[in-house]
Amino acid sequence: MRAVSAYRVGRLSLLVAAAACMAMFAGLARAETVRIRVDQARIVKLPAEVATIVIGNPLIADATLQKGGVLVVTGKGYGTTNLLALDRAGNVLMESAVQVESERGRDLVVVYRGLERESYSCAPQCERRIMLGDSPVYFNAALAESGARNSAASPAH
């Protein structure tokens, strides 16, 4: 009876150890959610052996891998997508969710004119701000104004 009991305890210990190892590896492969604001960048440190980055939806986020496992993630649009980090053999080293959120600062003022929406940064004076969700006429006018300003500041080619 003792031999059977020791066998069961040994088998149970082996199952517990296997479950602990699986949980440990799952924690390494799955990182916490990367939260970022739209039109902002964030640095994420990855293992040095990462060779390839895959973004599920590039309309939501973009990522650029730098030397030494430094990843620059930029919020492009609102929503959630996933990020995969692969080694040279194609093995997944990390999987993470990327959540891109709107900026909820005190300086943001949103004006509604019927169905039309306009966004402004008011710190300390109110200036046009281009944000996803603004009415197309307002968005395109602000974008054209910004583009003209940047062109005027660029040296002639």
Protein backbone atom coordinates (compact mmCIF):
# COMPACT_ATOMS: atom_id res chain seq x y z
CA MET A 1 0.00 0.00 0.00
CA ARG A 2 2.89 2.34 0.74
CA ALA A 3 4.42 1.74 -2.72
CA VAL A 4 1.17 2.73 -4.42
CA SER A 5 0.91 5.80 -2.25
CA ALA A 6 4.50 6.86 -3.04
CA TYR A 7 3.82 6.26 -6.76
CA ARG A 8 0.76 8.52 -6.64
CA VAL A 9 2.63 11.24 -4.74
CA GLY A 10 5.53 11.03 -7.22
CA ARG A 11 3.17 11.23 -10.19
CA LEU A 12 1.29 14.15 -8.65
CA SER A 13 4.58 15.98 -7.97
CA LEU A 14 5.61 15.46 -11.59
CA LEU A 15 2.28 16.88 -12.84
CA VAL A 16 2.58 19.91 -10.54
CA ALA A 17 6.17 20.54 -11.71
CA ALA A 18 5.11 20.28 -15.37
CA ALA A 19 2.24 22.72 -14.82
CA ALA A 20 4.59 25.17 -13.10
CA CYS A 21 7.05 24.99 -16.02
CA MET A 22 4.24 25.56 -18.52
CA ALA A 23 3.01 28.56 -16.55
CA MET A 24 6.55 29.97 -16.42
CA PHE A 25 7.03 29.64 -20.20
CA ALA A 26 3.58 31.07 -20.87
CA GLY A 27 4.56 34.12 -18.82
CA LEU A 28 7.70 34.60 -20.90
CA ALA A 29 5.88 34.29 -24.21
CA ARG A 30 2.96 36.57 -23.26
CA ALA A 31 3.84 40.08 -22.18
CA GLU A 32 1.50 42.62 -20.65
CA THR A 33 -0.56 44.94 -22.83
CA VAL A 34 1.34 47.84 -24.37
CA ARG A 35 -0.81 50.94 -23.90
CA ILE A 36 -0.07 53.98 -26.02
CA ARG A 37 -1.79 57.16 -27.12
CA VAL A 38 -2.60 57.85 -30.75
CA ASP A 39 0.18 59.79 -32.54
CA GLN A 40 2.66 59.02 -29.76
CA ALA A 41 5.62 56.63 -29.55
CA ARG A 42 6.70 54.31 -26.77
CA ILE A 43 9.89 52.29 -26.23
CA VAL A 44 9.51 48.57 -25.44
CA LYS A 45 12.54 46.49 -24.46
CA LEU A 46 12.67 43.03 -26.08
CA PRO A 47 15.15 40.15 -25.84
CA ALA A 48 18.23 40.80 -28.01
CA GLU A 49 17.59 37.67 -30.12
CA VAL A 50 14.38 39.12 -31.62
CA ALA A 51 14.81 39.32 -35.41
CA THR A 52 11.29 40.01 -36.72
CA ILE A 53 8.30 42.01 -35.48
CA VAL A 54 4.74 41.44 -36.71
CA ILE A 55 1.89 43.89 -36.05
CA GLY A 56 -1.60 42.44 -36.54
CA ASN A 57 -3.23 45.65 -37.81
CA PRO A 58 -0.83 48.36 -39.04
CA LEU A 59 -3.68 50.89 -39.14
CA ILE A 60 -3.75 50.75 -35.33
CA ALA A 61 -0.02 50.63 -34.53
CA ASP A 62 3.39 50.59 -36.17
CA ALA A 63 6.61 49.18 -34.76
CA THR A 64 10.28 49.58 -35.66
CA LEU A 65 12.92 47.22 -34.28
CA GLN A 66 16.23 48.86 -33.35
CA LYS A 67 19.54 47.27 -32.33
CA GLY A 68 19.75 45.58 -28.96
CA GLY A 69 16.07 44.59 -28.76
CA VAL A 70 14.73 48.14 -28.58
CA LEU A 71 11.29 48.42 -30.16
CA VAL A 72 9.62 51.75 -30.98
CA VAL A 73 5.81 51.39 -31.07
CA THR A 74 3.74 54.25 -32.54
CA GLY A 75 -0.02 54.61 -32.14
CA LYS A 76 -1.66 55.16 -35.54
CA GLY A 77 -5.40 54.69 -34.87
CA TYR A 78 -7.72 53.79 -32.02
CA GLY A 79 -8.21 50.15 -31.10
CA THR A 80 -6.39 47.00 -30.08
CA THR A 81 -4.12 44.77 -32.14
CA ASN A 82 -1.39 42.25 -31.40
CA LEU A 83 2.39 42.30 -31.58
CA LEU A 84 4.54 39.21 -32.22
CA ALA A 85 8.31 39.05 -31.70
CA LEU A 86 10.08 36.23 -33.58
CA ASP A 87 13.63 34.92 -33.57
CA ARG A 88 15.58 34.10 -36.77
CA ALA A 89 14.10 30.59 -36.85
CA GLY A 90 10.54 31.95 -36.74
CA ASN A 91 9.85 30.94 -33.14
CA VAL A 92 7.54 33.26 -31.20
CA LEU A 93 9.51 34.81 -28.34
CA MET A 94 6.80 37.18 -27.21
CA GLU A 95 3.17 37.99 -27.94
CA SER A 96 1.55 41.11 -26.60
CA ALA A 97 -1.58 43.18 -27.09
CA VAL A 98 -1.16 46.79 -28.21
CA GLN A 99 -3.96 49.13 -27.16
CA VAL A 100 -4.05 52.59 -28.74
CA GLU A 101 -6.15 55.12 -26.83
CA SER A 102 -7.14 58.73 -27.34
CA GLU A 103 -5.44 61.55 -25.52
CA ARG A 104 -7.54 62.72 -22.62
CA GLY A 105 -5.59 65.80 -21.56
CA ARG A 106 -6.93 68.91 -19.93
CA ASP A 107 -5.86 70.98 -22.93
CA LEU A 108 -8.07 69.06 -25.41
CA VAL A 109 -11.27 70.85 -26.43
CA VAL A 110 -13.74 69.22 -28.83
CA VAL A 111 -16.32 71.43 -30.55
CA TYR A 112 -19.42 69.96 -32.20
CA ARG A 113 -21.26 71.95 -34.87
CA GLY A 114 -24.19 69.68 -35.60
CA LEU A 115 -22.58 66.48 -36.85
CA GLU A 116 -19.25 68.20 -37.57
CA ARG A 117 -16.46 67.81 -35.01
CA GLU A 118 -13.37 70.00 -34.49
CA SER A 119 -10.52 69.45 -32.03
CA TYR A 120 -8.32 72.09 -30.42
CA SER A 121 -5.35 72.14 -28.04
CA CYS A 122 -5.85 74.95 -25.55
CA ALA A 123 -2.66 75.37 -23.54
CA PRO A 124 -2.63 78.31 -23.06
CA GLN A 125 -4.20 79.46 -26.37
CA CYS A 126 -6.51 77.33 -28.52
CA GLU A 127 -4.92 76.02 -31.74
CA ARG A 128 -6.25 73.58 -34.33
CA ARG A 129 -5.44 69.98 -33.65
CA ILE A 130 -5.81 67.10 -36.11
CA MET A 131 -7.47 64.08 -34.50
CA LEU A 132 -9.14 60.97 -35.82
CA GLY A 133 -12.89 61.53 -35.83
CA ASP A 134 -12.80 65.21 -36.77
CA SER A 135 -15.03 66.21 -39.69
CA PRO A 136 -13.30 65.72 -43.08
CA VAL A 137 -13.47 69.42 -44.04
CA TYR A 138 -11.85 70.53 -40.75
CA PHE A 139 -9.35 67.66 -40.74
CA ASN A 140 -8.21 68.29 -44.35
CA ALA A 141 -7.95 72.06 -43.84
CA ALA A 142 -5.81 71.62 -40.72
CA LEU A 143 -3.68 68.96 -42.45
CA ALA A 144 -3.13 71.21 -45.50
CA GLU A 145 -2.17 74.13 -43.24
CA SER A 146 0.32 71.96 -41.37
CA GLY A 147 1.74 70.56 -44.63
CA ALA A 148 2.17 74.05 -46.10
CA ARG A 149 3.98 75.19 -42.96
CA ASN A 150 6.31 72.17 -43.03
CA SER A 151 7.04 72.69 -46.75
CA ALA A 152 7.89 76.34 -46.14
CA ALA A 153 10.29 75.35 -43.36
CA SER A 154 12.04 72.70 -45.47
CA PRO A 155 15.11 73.68 -47.53
CA ALA A 156 14.59 73.81 -51.31
CA HIS A 157 15.65 70.67 -53.15
